[in-house]
Amino acid sequence: RVQATFETVAQDEFLFRRRDPETYAQTLLDTTGDRFRRLQRQITSFPLADDDDNRQLQRSELQRIKRAVDDISAKLPSSSVSAGAIPELERLAQSITHLERRLQRVHTLGVPRKGESS
């Protein structure tokens, strides 16, 4: 069921993109901008670990993520865009997805994994 829903949404998105690329570009900018701002808020409010070693690991990774966020910020248009911006917006959206995943992993930095000894 989930796969069928995903395929339907993907097909709808492709058709929407093909029929009205200008609107698709603006929608992509809006959603990418929203996700970007949410990521910035999550970084700012990130709860660091109580343990000094883990907190230092987390701070280091957060700094790397912040630098990547700054790079995206410099590339993300602030207002309306044309259809020609779609490839760059899609790359930026992928970069944001990658950074969201990295941020989620920061919570477990320094925590031993199953089968590891501390």
PDB file of N, CA and C in Angstrom:
ATOM      1  N   ARG A   1       0.802  -1.197   0.000  1.00  0.00           N
ATOM      2  CA  ARG A   1       0.000   0.000   0.000  1.00  0.00           C
ATOM      3  C   ARG A   1       0.852   1.271   0.000  1.00  0.00           C
ATOM      4  N   VAL A   2       1.854   1.256   0.866  1.00  0.00           N
ATOM      5  CA  VAL A   2       2.731   2.416   0.967  1.00  0.00           C
ATOM      6  C   VAL A   2       3.465   2.634  -0.352  1.00  0.00           C
ATOM      7  N   GLN A   3       3.950   1.556  -0.936  1.00  0.00           N
ATOM      8  CA  GLN A   3       4.649   1.655  -2.212  1.00  0.00           C
ATOM      9  C   GLN A   3       3.735   2.219  -3.295  1.00  0.00           C
ATOM     10  N   ALA A   4       2.505   1.767  -3.328  1.00  0.00           N
ATOM     11  CA  ALA A   4       1.548   2.257  -4.328  1.00  0.00           C
ATOM     12  C   ALA A   4       1.269   3.741  -4.121  1.00  0.00           C
ATOM     13  N   THR A   5       1.127   4.150  -2.874  1.00  0.00           N
ATOM     14  CA  THR A   5       0.892   5.567  -2.581  1.00  0.00           C
ATOM     15  C   THR A   5       2.088   6.401  -3.009  1.00  0.00           C
ATOM     16  N   PHE A   6       3.291   5.909  -2.701  1.00  0.00           N
ATOM     17  CA  PHE A   6       4.503   6.626  -3.084  1.00  0.00           C
ATOM     18  C   PHE A   6       4.583   6.781  -4.599  1.00  0.00           C
ATOM     19  N   GLU A   7       4.314   5.708  -5.320  1.00  0.00           N
ATOM     20  CA  GLU A   7       4.371   5.762  -6.779  1.00  0.00           C
ATOM     21  C   GLU A   7       3.344   6.740  -7.334  1.00  0.00           C
ATOM     22  N   THR A   8       2.162   6.771  -6.748  1.00  0.00           N
ATOM     23  CA  THR A   8       1.123   7.707  -7.192  1.00  0.00           C
ATOM     24  C   THR A   8       1.574   9.144  -6.963  1.00  0.00           C
ATOM     25  N   VAL A   9       2.113   9.419  -5.785  1.00  0.00           N
ATOM     26  CA  VAL A   9       2.579  10.770  -5.481  1.00  0.00           C
ATOM     27  C   VAL A   9       3.725  11.161  -6.416  1.00  0.00           C
ATOM     28  N   ALA A  10       4.633  10.242  -6.663  1.00  0.00           N
ATOM     29  CA  ALA A  10       5.760  10.525  -7.561  1.00  0.00           C
ATOM     30  C   ALA A  10       5.273  10.823  -8.976  1.00  0.00           C
ATOM     31  N   GLN A  11       4.302  10.069  -9.440  1.00  0.00           N
ATOM     32  CA  GLN A  11       3.754  10.312 -10.779  1.00  0.00           C
ATOM     33  C   GLN A  11       3.033  11.660 -10.829  1.00  0.00           C
ATOM     34  N   ASP A  12       2.269  11.959  -9.788  1.00  0.00           N
ATOM     35  CA  ASP A  12       1.571  13.248  -9.738  1.00  0.00           C
ATOM     36  C   ASP A  12       2.555  14.408  -9.736  1.00  0.00           C
ATOM     37  N   GLU A  13       3.631  14.261  -8.966  1.00  0.00           N
ATOM     38  CA  GLU A  13       4.641  15.312  -8.916  1.00  0.00           C
ATOM     39  C   GLU A  13       5.288  15.500 -10.289  1.00  0.00           C
ATOM     40  N   PHE A  14       5.602  14.399 -10.967  1.00  0.00           N
ATOM     41  CA  PHE A  14       6.207  14.483 -12.294  1.00  0.00           C
ATOM     42  C   PHE A  14       5.266  15.192 -13.268  1.00  0.00           C
ATOM     43  N   LEU A  15       3.986  14.826 -13.239  1.00  0.00           N
ATOM     44  CA  LEU A  15       3.015  15.471 -14.133  1.00  0.00           C
ATOM     45  C   LEU A  15       2.876  16.951 -13.812  1.00  0.00           C
ATOM     46  N   PHE A  16       2.818  17.273 -12.523  1.00  0.00           N
ATOM     47  CA  PHE A  16       2.709  18.670 -12.104  1.00  0.00           C
ATOM     48  C   PHE A  16       3.922  19.449 -12.582  1.00  0.00           C
ATOM     49  N   ARG A  17       5.090  18.860 -12.417  1.00  0.00           N
ATOM     50  CA  ARG A  17       6.332  19.514 -12.821  1.00  0.00           C
ATOM     51  C   ARG A  17       6.344  19.755 -14.325  1.00  0.00           C
ATOM     52  N   ARG A  18       5.891  18.774 -15.094  1.00  0.00           N
ATOM     53  CA  ARG A  18       5.912  18.892 -16.545  1.00  0.00           C
ATOM     54  C   ARG A  18       4.891  19.911 -17.054  1.00  0.00           C
ATOM     55  N   ARG A  19       3.714  19.926 -16.447  1.00  0.00           N
ATOM     56  CA  ARG A  19       2.649  20.828 -16.910  1.00  0.00           C
ATOM     57  C   ARG A  19       2.887  22.279 -16.548  1.00  0.00           C
ATOM     58  N   ASP A  20       3.410  22.515 -15.367  1.00  0.00           N
ATOM     59  CA  ASP A  20       3.579  23.892 -14.908  1.00  0.00           C
ATOM     60  C   ASP A  20       4.908  24.044 -14.163  1.00  0.00           C
ATOM     61  N   PRO A  21       6.004  24.088 -14.902  1.00  0.00           N
ATOM     62  CA  PRO A  21       7.313  24.133 -14.253  1.00  0.00           C
ATOM     63  C   PRO A  21       7.542  25.380 -13.403  1.00  0.00           C
ATOM     64  N   GLU A  22       6.936  26.495 -13.772  1.00  0.00           N
ATOM     65  CA  GLU A  22       7.100  27.729 -12.988  1.00  0.00           C
ATOM     66  C   GLU A  22       6.498  27.567 -11.598  1.00  0.00           C
ATOM     67  N   THR A  23       5.293  27.017 -11.552  1.00  0.00           N
ATOM     68  CA  THR A  23       4.635  26.797 -10.261  1.00  0.00           C
ATOM     69  C   THR A  23       5.372  25.739  -9.463  1.00  0.00           C
ATOM     70  N   TYR A  24       5.838  24.700 -10.144  1.00  0.00           N
ATOM     71  CA  TYR A  24       6.605  23.657  -9.462  1.00  0.00           C
ATOM     72  C   TYR A  24       7.865  24.254  -8.835  1.00  0.00           C
ATOM     73  N   ALA A  25       8.555  25.119  -9.576  1.00  0.00           N
ATOM     74  CA  ALA A  25       9.768  25.743  -9.053  1.00  0.00           C
ATOM     75  C   ALA A  25       9.456  26.569  -7.812  1.00  0.00           C
ATOM     76  N   GLN A  26       8.377  27.321  -7.850  1.00  0.00           N
ATOM     77  CA  GLN A  26       8.012  28.149  -6.692  1.00  0.00           C
ATOM     78  C   GLN A  26       7.604  27.279  -5.507  1.00  0.00           C
ATOM     79  N   THR A  27       6.863  26.214  -5.767  1.00  0.00           N
ATOM     80  CA  THR A  27       6.473  25.288  -4.700  1.00  0.00           C
ATOM     81  C   THR A  27       7.706  24.633  -4.093  1.00  0.00           C
ATOM     82  N   LEU A  28       8.631  24.243  -4.943  1.00  0.00           N
ATOM     83  CA  LEU A  28       9.873  23.632  -4.470  1.00  0.00           C
ATOM     84  C   LEU A  28      10.668  24.621  -3.623  1.00  0.00           C
ATOM     85  N   LEU A  29      10.731  25.869  -4.047  1.00  0.00           N
ATOM     86  CA  LEU A  29      11.417  26.893  -3.262  1.00  0.00           C
ATOM     87  C   LEU A  29      10.744  27.069  -1.903  1.00  0.00           C
ATOM     88  N   ASP A  30       9.428  27.147  -1.897  1.00  0.00           N
ATOM     89  CA  ASP A  30       8.695  27.349  -0.645  1.00  0.00           C
ATOM     90  C   ASP A  30       8.913  26.193   0.329  1.00  0.00           C
ATOM     91  N   THR A  31       8.774  24.975  -0.160  1.00  0.00           N
ATOM     92  CA  THR A  31       8.927  23.827   0.737  1.00  0.00           C
ATOM     93  C   THR A  31      10.385  23.654   1.180  1.00  0.00           C
ATOM     94  N   THR A  32      11.323  23.913   0.280  1.00  0.00           N
ATOM     95  CA  THR A  32      12.735  23.810   0.638  1.00  0.00           C
ATOM     96  C   THR A  32      13.087  24.889   1.663  1.00  0.00           C
ATOM     97  N   GLY A  33      12.577  26.081   1.469  1.00  0.00           N
ATOM     98  CA  GLY A  33      12.809  27.159   2.434  1.00  0.00           C
ATOM     99  C   GLY A  33      12.229  26.832   3.804  1.00  0.00           C
ATOM    100  N   ASP A  34      11.032  26.266   3.833  1.00  0.00           N
ATOM    101  CA  ASP A  34      10.414  25.869   5.109  1.00  0.00           C
ATOM    102  C   ASP A  34      11.256  24.815   5.817  1.00  0.00           C
ATOM    103  N   ARG A  35      11.684  23.809   5.062  1.00  0.00           N
ATOM    104  CA  ARG A  35      12.516  22.750   5.650  1.00  0.00           C
ATOM    105  C   ARG A  35      13.841  23.321   6.142  1.00  0.00           C
ATOM    106  N   PHE A  36      14.409  24.255   5.397  1.00  0.00           N
ATOM    107  CA  PHE A  36      15.670  24.876   5.768  1.00  0.00           C
ATOM    108  C   PHE A  36      15.525  25.645   7.086  1.00  0.00           C
ATOM    109  N   ARG A  37      14.472  26.440   7.207  1.00  0.00           N
ATOM    110  CA  ARG A  37      14.242  27.196   8.442  1.00  0.00           C
ATOM    111  C   ARG A  37      13.995  26.267   9.636  1.00  0.00           C
ATOM    112  N   ARG A  38      13.274  25.176   9.413  1.00  0.00           N
ATOM    113  CA  ARG A  38      13.042  24.202  10.483  1.00  0.00           C
ATOM    114  C   ARG A  38      14.371  23.577  10.920  1.00  0.00           C
ATOM    115  N   LEU A  39      15.236  23.246   9.960  1.00  0.00           N
ATOM    116  CA  LEU A  39      16.542  22.685  10.276  1.00  0.00           C
ATOM    117  C   LEU A  39      17.360  23.678  11.100  1.00  0.00           C
ATOM    118  N   GLN A  40      17.336  24.946  10.729  1.00  0.00           N
ATOM    119  CA  GLN A  40      18.059  25.965  11.492  1.00  0.00           C
ATOM    120  C   GLN A  40      17.553  26.025  12.936  1.00  0.00           C
ATOM    121  N   ARG A  41      16.239  25.979  13.117  1.00  0.00           N
ATOM    122  CA  ARG A  41      15.672  26.002  14.474  1.00  0.00           C
ATOM    123  C   ARG A  41      16.089  24.769  15.271  1.00  0.00           C
ATOM    124  N   GLN A  42      16.098  23.606  14.617  1.00  0.00           N
ATOM    125  CA  GLN A  42      16.495  22.375  15.303  1.00  0.00           C
ATOM    126  C   GLN A  42      17.952  22.433  15.749  1.00  0.00           C
ATOM    127  N   ILE A  43      18.797  23.020  14.931  1.00  0.00           N
ATOM    128  CA  ILE A  43      20.208  23.146  15.296  1.00  0.00           C
ATOM    129  C   ILE A  43      20.356  24.084  16.490  1.00  0.00           C
ATOM    130  N   THR A  44      19.665  25.208  16.429  1.00  0.00           N
ATOM    131  CA  THR A  44      19.748  26.199  17.499  1.00  0.00           C
ATOM    132  C   THR A  44      19.250  25.643  18.830  1.00  0.00           C
ATOM    133  N   SER A  45      18.209  24.839  18.788  1.00  0.00           N
ATOM    134  CA  SER A  45      17.623  24.324  20.033  1.00  0.00           C
ATOM    135  C   SER A  45      18.098  22.913  20.373  1.00  0.00           C
ATOM    136  N   PHE A  46      19.156  22.455  19.740  1.00  0.00           N
ATOM    137  CA  PHE A  46      19.622  21.088  19.952  1.00  0.00           C
ATOM    138  C   PHE A  46      20.050  20.887  21.401  1.00  0.00           C
ATOM    139  N   PRO A  47      19.505  19.854  22.070  1.00  0.00           N
ATOM    140  CA  PRO A  47      19.893  19.591  23.463  1.00  0.00           C
ATOM    141  C   PRO A  47      21.190  18.776  23.515  1.00  0.00           C
ATOM    142  N   LEU A  48      22.246  19.387  24.004  1.00  0.00           N
ATOM    143  CA  LEU A  48      23.536  18.704  24.087  1.00  0.00           C
ATOM    144  C   LEU A  48      23.541  17.694  25.227  1.00  0.00           C
ATOM    145  N   ALA A  49      24.382  16.681  25.092  1.00  0.00           N
ATOM    146  CA  ALA A  49      24.507  15.623  26.099  1.00  0.00           C
ATOM    147  C   ALA A  49      25.052  16.194  27.405  1.00  0.00           C
ATOM    148  N   ASP A  50      24.754  15.521  28.488  1.00  0.00           N
ATOM    149  CA  ASP A  50      25.260  15.931  29.803  1.00  0.00           C
ATOM    150  C   ASP A  50      26.740  15.584  29.959  1.00  0.00           C
ATOM    151  N   ASP A  51      27.156  14.477  29.382  1.00  0.00           N
ATOM    152  CA  ASP A  51      28.532  13.999  29.470  1.00  0.00           C
ATOM    153  C   ASP A  51      29.458  14.902  28.646  1.00  0.00           C
ATOM    154  N   ASP A  52      30.568  15.324  29.240  1.00  0.00           N
ATOM    155  CA  ASP A  52      31.495  16.254  28.576  1.00  0.00           C
ATOM    156  C   ASP A  52      32.038  15.728  27.248  1.00  0.00           C
ATOM    157  N   ASP A  53      32.447  14.459  27.225  1.00  0.00           N
ATOM    158  CA  ASP A  53      33.007  13.886  25.999  1.00  0.00           C
ATOM    159  C   ASP A  53      31.968  13.840  24.881  1.00  0.00           C
ATOM    160  N   ASN A  54      30.781  13.371  25.211  1.00  0.00           N
ATOM    161  CA  ASN A  54      29.712  13.302  24.206  1.00  0.00           C
ATOM    162  C   ASN A  54      29.298  14.698  23.752  1.00  0.00           C
ATOM    163  N   ARG A  55      29.241  15.632  24.705  1.00  0.00           N
ATOM    164  CA  ARG A  55      28.865  17.004  24.362  1.00  0.00           C
ATOM    165  C   ARG A  55      29.877  17.597  23.384  1.00  0.00           C
ATOM    166  N   GLN A  56      31.169  17.326  23.596  1.00  0.00           N
ATOM    167  CA  GLN A  56      32.198  17.844  22.688  1.00  0.00           C
ATOM    168  C   GLN A  56      32.063  17.235  21.294  1.00  0.00           C
ATOM    169  N   LEU A  57      31.798  15.933  21.228  1.00  0.00           N
ATOM    170  CA  LEU A  57      31.556  15.287  19.931  1.00  0.00           C
ATOM    171  C   LEU A  57      30.361  15.927  19.224  1.00  0.00           C
ATOM    172  N   GLN A  58      29.304  16.144  19.986  1.00  0.00           N
ATOM    173  CA  GLN A  58      28.106  16.746  19.409  1.00  0.00           C
ATOM    174  C   GLN A  58      28.379  18.167  18.927  1.00  0.00           C
ATOM    175  N   ARG A  59      29.077  18.941  19.728  1.00  0.00           N
ATOM    176  CA  ARG A  59      29.386  20.324  19.315  1.00  0.00           C
ATOM    177  C   ARG A  59      30.186  20.350  18.013  1.00  0.00           C
ATOM    178  N   SER A  60      31.158  19.455  17.914  1.00  0.00           N
ATOM    179  CA  SER A  60      31.983  19.410  16.698  1.00  0.00           C
ATOM    180  C   SER A  60      31.136  19.098  15.465  1.00  0.00           C
ATOM    181  N   GLU A  61      30.275  18.101  15.593  1.00  0.00           N
ATOM    182  CA  GLU A  61      29.433  17.738  14.448  1.00  0.00           C
ATOM    183  C   GLU A  61      28.426  18.842  14.147  1.00  0.00           C
ATOM    184  N   LEU A  62      27.881  19.465  15.183  1.00  0.00           N
ATOM    185  CA  LEU A  62      26.944  20.578  14.960  1.00  0.00           C
ATOM    186  C   LEU A  62      27.629  21.729  14.227  1.00  0.00           C
ATOM    187  N   GLN A  63      28.897  21.986  14.535  1.00  0.00           N
ATOM    188  CA  GLN A  63      29.629  23.038  13.833  1.00  0.00           C
ATOM    189  C   GLN A  63      29.789  22.711  12.352  1.00  0.00           C
ATOM    190  N   ARG A  64      30.082  21.441  12.051  1.00  0.00           N
ATOM    191  CA  ARG A  64      30.191  21.032  10.644  1.00  0.00           C
ATOM    192  C   ARG A  64      28.837  21.177   9.938  1.00  0.00           C
ATOM    193  N   ILE A  65      27.787  20.794  10.619  1.00  0.00           N
ATOM    194  CA  ILE A  65      26.444  20.922  10.034  1.00  0.00           C
ATOM    195  C   ILE A  65      26.111  22.398   9.819  1.00  0.00           C
ATOM    196  N   LYS A  66      26.446  23.241  10.787  1.00  0.00           N
ATOM    197  CA  LYS A  66      26.177  24.683  10.656  1.00  0.00           C
ATOM    198  C   LYS A  66      26.905  25.280   9.458  1.00  0.00           C
ATOM    199  N   ARG A  67      28.145  24.844   9.226  1.00  0.00           N
ATOM    200  CA  ARG A  67      28.881  25.341   8.050  1.00  0.00           C
ATOM    201  C   ARG A  67      28.169  24.936   6.761  1.00  0.00           C
ATOM    202  N   ALA A  68      27.673  23.708   6.716  1.00  0.00           N
ATOM    203  CA  ALA A  68      26.929  23.254   5.533  1.00  0.00           C
ATOM    204  C   ALA A  68      25.629  24.043   5.384  1.00  0.00           C
ATOM    205  N   VAL A  69      24.986  24.365   6.489  1.00  0.00           N
ATOM    206  CA  VAL A  69      23.758  25.165   6.460  1.00  0.00           C
ATOM    207  C   VAL A  69      24.066  26.561   5.928  1.00  0.00           C
ATOM    208  N   ASP A  70      25.189  27.128   6.338  1.00  0.00           N
ATOM    209  CA  ASP A  70      25.586  28.446   5.829  1.00  0.00           C
ATOM    210  C   ASP A  70      25.801  28.409   4.318  1.00  0.00           C
ATOM    211  N   ASP A  71      26.394  27.319   3.826  1.00  0.00           N
ATOM    212  CA  ASP A  71      26.588  27.165   2.379  1.00  0.00           C
ATOM    213  C   ASP A  71      25.246  27.138   1.656  1.00  0.00           C
ATOM    214  N   ILE A  72      24.301  26.400   2.210  1.00  0.00           N
ATOM    215  CA  ILE A  72      22.964  26.327   1.597  1.00  0.00           C
ATOM    216  C   ILE A  72      22.302  27.692   1.642  1.00  0.00           C
ATOM    217  N   SER A  73      22.443  28.370   2.760  1.00  0.00           N
ATOM    218  CA  SER A  73      21.827  29.688   2.916  1.00  0.00           C
ATOM    219  C   SER A  73      22.292  30.651   1.822  1.00  0.00           C
ATOM    220  N   ALA A  74      23.565  30.561   1.464  1.00  0.00           N
ATOM    221  CA  ALA A  74      24.105  31.438   0.424  1.00  0.00           C
ATOM    222  C   ALA A  74      23.546  31.109  -0.957  1.00  0.00           C
ATOM    223  N   LYS A  75      23.082  29.868  -1.147  1.00  0.00           N
ATOM    224  CA  LYS A  75      22.600  29.430  -2.458  1.00  0.00           C
ATOM    225  C   LYS A  75      21.088  29.460  -2.589  1.00  0.00           C
ATOM    226  N   LEU A  76      20.367  29.474  -1.474  1.00  0.00           N
ATOM    227  CA  LEU A  76      18.913  29.386  -1.501  1.00  0.00           C
ATOM    228  C   LEU A  76      18.305  30.737  -1.868  1.00  0.00           C
ATOM    229  N   PRO A  77      17.579  30.807  -2.979  1.00  0.00           N
ATOM    230  CA  PRO A  77      16.945  32.073  -3.364  1.00  0.00           C
ATOM    231  C   PRO A  77      15.940  32.512  -2.294  1.00  0.00           C
ATOM    232  N   SER A  78      15.772  33.821  -2.155  1.00  0.00           N
ATOM    233  CA  SER A  78      14.878  34.317  -1.111  1.00  0.00           C
ATOM    234  C   SER A  78      13.491  34.692  -1.636  1.00  0.00           C
ATOM    235  N   SER A  79      13.344  34.761  -2.949  1.00  0.00           N
ATOM    236  CA  SER A  79      12.037  35.148  -3.488  1.00  0.00           C
ATOM    237  C   SER A  79      11.672  34.245  -4.658  1.00  0.00           C
ATOM    238  N   SER A  80      10.893  34.760  -5.569  1.00  0.00           N
ATOM    239  CA  SER A  80      10.390  33.937  -6.670  1.00  0.00           C
ATOM    240  C   SER A  80      11.527  33.436  -7.563  1.00  0.00           C
ATOM    241  N   VAL A  81      11.266  32.290  -8.193  1.00  0.00           N
ATOM    242  CA  VAL A  81      12.248  31.655  -9.061  1.00  0.00           C
ATOM    243  C   VAL A  81      11.583  31.240 -10.363  1.00  0.00           C
ATOM    244  N   SER A  82      12.402  30.927 -11.342  1.00  0.00           N
ATOM    245  CA  SER A  82      11.890  30.443 -12.625  1.00  0.00           C
ATOM    246  C   SER A  82      12.126  28.943 -12.724  1.00  0.00           C
ATOM    247  N   ALA A  83      11.612  28.360 -13.768  1.00  0.00           N
ATOM    248  CA  ALA A  83      11.760  26.919 -13.980  1.00  0.00           C
ATOM    249  C   ALA A  83      13.232  26.520 -14.109  1.00  0.00           C
ATOM    250  N   GLY A  84      14.067  27.444 -14.544  1.00  0.00           N
ATOM    251  CA  GLY A  84      15.486  27.154 -14.687  1.00  0.00           C
ATOM    252  C   GLY A  84      16.179  26.864 -13.359  1.00  0.00           C
ATOM    253  N   ALA A  85      15.556  27.247 -12.271  1.00  0.00           N
ATOM    254  CA  ALA A  85      16.144  27.034 -10.944  1.00  0.00           C
ATOM    255  C   ALA A  85      15.848  25.645 -10.381  1.00  0.00           C
ATOM    256  N   ILE A  86      15.009  24.880 -11.052  1.00  0.00           N
ATOM    257  CA  ILE A  86      14.585  23.576 -10.522  1.00  0.00           C
ATOM    258  C   ILE A  86      15.755  22.650 -10.206  1.00  0.00           C
ATOM    259  N   PRO A  87      16.713  22.444 -11.099  1.00  0.00           N
ATOM    260  CA  PRO A  87      17.811  21.523 -10.757  1.00  0.00           C
ATOM    261  C   PRO A  87      18.572  21.938  -9.498  1.00  0.00           C
ATOM    262  N   GLU A  88      18.868  23.228  -9.366  1.00  0.00           N
ATOM    263  CA  GLU A  88      19.590  23.702  -8.178  1.00  0.00           C
ATOM    264  C   GLU A  88      18.724  23.557  -6.926  1.00  0.00           C
ATOM    265  N   LEU A  89      17.444  23.863  -7.037  1.00  0.00           N
ATOM    266  CA  LEU A  89      16.549  23.709  -5.881  1.00  0.00           C
ATOM    267  C   LEU A  89      16.445  22.249  -5.456  1.00  0.00           C
ATOM    268  N   GLU A  90      16.415  21.353  -6.422  1.00  0.00           N
ATOM    269  CA  GLU A  90      16.361  19.926  -6.085  1.00  0.00           C
ATOM    270  C   GLU A  90      17.653  19.482  -5.394  1.00  0.00           C
ATOM    271  N   ARG A  91      18.788  20.010  -5.836  1.00  0.00           N
ATOM    272  CA  ARG A  91      20.059  19.692  -5.174  1.00  0.00           C
ATOM    273  C   ARG A  91      20.065  20.228  -3.736  1.00  0.00           C
ATOM    274  N   LEU A  92      19.561  21.442  -3.564  1.00  0.00           N
ATOM    275  CA  LEU A  92      19.501  22.024  -2.228  1.00  0.00           C
ATOM    276  C   LEU A  92      18.565  21.218  -1.321  1.00  0.00           C
ATOM    277  N   ALA A  93      17.443  20.778  -1.872  1.00  0.00           N
ATOM    278  CA  ALA A  93      16.510  19.960  -1.093  1.00  0.00           C
ATOM    279  C   ALA A  93      17.171  18.653  -0.667  1.00  0.00           C
ATOM    280  N   GLN A  94      17.942  18.050  -1.555  1.00  0.00           N
ATOM    281  CA  GLN A  94      18.663  16.820  -1.207  1.00  0.00           C
ATOM    282  C   GLN A  94      19.708  17.086  -0.123  1.00  0.00           C
ATOM    283  N   SER A  95      20.374  18.217  -0.221  1.00  0.00           N
ATOM    284  CA  SER A  95      21.371  18.577   0.793  1.00  0.00           C
ATOM    285  C   SER A  95      20.712  18.757   2.153  1.00  0.00           C
ATOM    286  N   ILE A  96      19.549  19.369   2.166  1.00  0.00           N
ATOM    287  CA  ILE A  96      18.821  19.559   3.422  1.00  0.00           C
ATOM    288  C   ILE A  96      18.418  18.214   4.006  1.00  0.00           C
ATOM    289  N   THR A  97      17.954  17.298   3.163  1.00  0.00           N
ATOM    290  CA  THR A  97      17.602  15.954   3.627  1.00  0.00           C
ATOM    291  C   THR A  97      18.813  15.292   4.272  1.00  0.00           C
ATOM    292  N   HIS A  98      19.953  15.413   3.632  1.00  0.00           N
ATOM    293  CA  HIS A  98      21.190  14.835   4.161  1.00  0.00           C
ATOM    294  C   HIS A  98      21.529  15.444   5.525  1.00  0.00           C
ATOM    295  N   LEU A  99      21.411  16.761   5.654  1.00  0.00           N
ATOM    296  CA  LEU A  99      21.728  17.426   6.911  1.00  0.00           C
ATOM    297  C   LEU A  99      20.721  17.072   8.000  1.00  0.00           C
ATOM    298  N   GLU A 100      19.463  16.892   7.637  1.00  0.00           N
ATOM    299  CA  GLU A 100      18.456  16.469   8.614  1.00  0.00           C
ATOM    300  C   GLU A 100      18.827  15.108   9.194  1.00  0.00           C
ATOM    301  N   ARG A 101      19.273  14.219   8.341  1.00  0.00           N
ATOM    302  CA  ARG A 101      19.693  12.888   8.803  1.00  0.00           C
ATOM    303  C   ARG A 101      20.934  12.973   9.690  1.00  0.00           C
ATOM    304  N   ARG A 102      21.881  13.801   9.288  1.00  0.00           N
ATOM    305  CA  ARG A 102      23.090  13.973  10.103  1.00  0.00           C
ATOM    306  C   ARG A 102      22.730  14.517  11.480  1.00  0.00           C
ATOM    307  N   LEU A 103      21.825  15.473  11.531  1.00  0.00           N
ATOM    308  CA  LEU A 103      21.419  16.054  12.802  1.00  0.00           C
ATOM    309  C   LEU A 103      20.767  15.007  13.695  1.00  0.00           C
ATOM    310  N   GLN A 104      19.968  14.143  13.114  1.00  0.00           N
ATOM    311  CA  GLN A 104      19.346  13.082  13.907  1.00  0.00           C
ATOM    312  C   GLN A 104      20.406  12.152  14.509  1.00  0.00           C
ATOM    313  N   ARG A 105      21.473  11.911  13.772  1.00  0.00           N
ATOM    314  CA  ARG A 105      22.535  11.026  14.271  1.00  0.00           C
ATOM    315  C   ARG A 105      23.369  11.676  15.367  1.00  0.00           C
ATOM    316  N   VAL A 106      23.355  12.996  15.450  1.00  0.00           N
ATOM    317  CA  VAL A 106      24.142  13.682  16.474  1.00  0.00           C
ATOM    318  C   VAL A 106      23.677  13.267  17.873  1.00  0.00           C
ATOM    319  N   HIS A 107      22.419  12.959  18.018  1.00  0.00           N
ATOM    320  CA  HIS A 107      21.893  12.540  19.321  1.00  0.00           C
ATOM    321  C   HIS A 107      22.617  11.318  19.857  1.00  0.00           C
ATOM    322  N   THR A 108      23.110  10.461  18.990  1.00  0.00           N
ATOM    323  CA  THR A 108      23.717   9.200  19.430  1.00  0.00           C
ATOM    324  C   THR A 108      25.242   9.216  19.384  1.00  0.00           C
ATOM    325  N   LEU A 109      25.843  10.361  19.109  1.00  0.00           N
ATOM    326  CA  LEU A 109      27.309  10.429  19.086  1.00  0.00           C
ATOM    327  C   LEU A 109      27.865  10.075  20.460  1.00  0.00           C
ATOM    328  N   GLY A 110      28.831   9.197  20.472  1.00  0.00           N
ATOM    329  CA  GLY A 110      29.465   8.796  21.719  1.00  0.00           C
ATOM    330  C   GLY A 110      28.735   7.707  22.470  1.00  0.00           C
ATOM    331  N   VAL A 111      27.548   7.339  22.021  1.00  0.00           N
ATOM    332  CA  VAL A 111      26.780   6.286  22.675  1.00  0.00           C
ATOM    333  C   VAL A 111      27.201   4.963  22.072  1.00  0.00           C
ATOM    334  N   PRO A 112      27.646   4.014  22.902  1.00  0.00           N
ATOM    335  CA  PRO A 112      28.065   2.711  22.353  1.00  0.00           C
ATOM    336  C   PRO A 112      26.917   2.007  21.636  1.00  0.00           C
ATOM    337  N   ARG A 113      27.234   1.394  20.513  1.00  0.00           N
ATOM    338  CA  ARG A 113      26.253   0.631  19.773  1.00  0.00           C
ATOM    339  C   ARG A 113      26.195  -0.789  20.312  1.00  0.00           C
ATOM    340  N   LYS A 114      25.152  -1.472  19.979  1.00  0.00           N
ATOM    341  CA  LYS A 114      24.988  -2.867  20.407  1.00  0.00           C
ATOM    342  C   LYS A 114      26.206  -3.661  19.972  1.00  0.00           C
ATOM    343  N   GLY A 115      26.778  -4.409  20.893  1.00  0.00           N
ATOM    344  CA  GLY A 115      27.927  -5.224  20.566  1.00  0.00           C
ATOM    345  C   GLY A 115      29.263  -4.533  20.793  1.00  0.00           C
ATOM    346  N   GLU A 116      29.245  -3.201  21.067  1.00  0.00           N
ATOM    347  CA  GLU A 116      30.479  -2.466  21.342  1.00  0.00           C
ATOM    348  C   GLU A 116      30.645  -2.359  22.848  1.00  0.00           C
ATOM    349  N   SER A 117      31.873  -2.346  23.275  1.00  0.00           N
ATOM    350  CA  SER A 117      32.113  -2.103  24.702  1.00  0.00           C
ATOM    351  C   SER A 117      32.662  -0.700  24.863  1.00  0.00           C
ATOM    352  N   SER A 118      32.391  -0.097  26.008  1.00  0.00           N
ATOM    353  CA  SER A 118      32.824   1.277  26.203  1.00  0.00           C
ATOM    354  C   SER A 118      34.198   1.384  26.794  1.00  0.00           C
TER     355      SER A 118
END
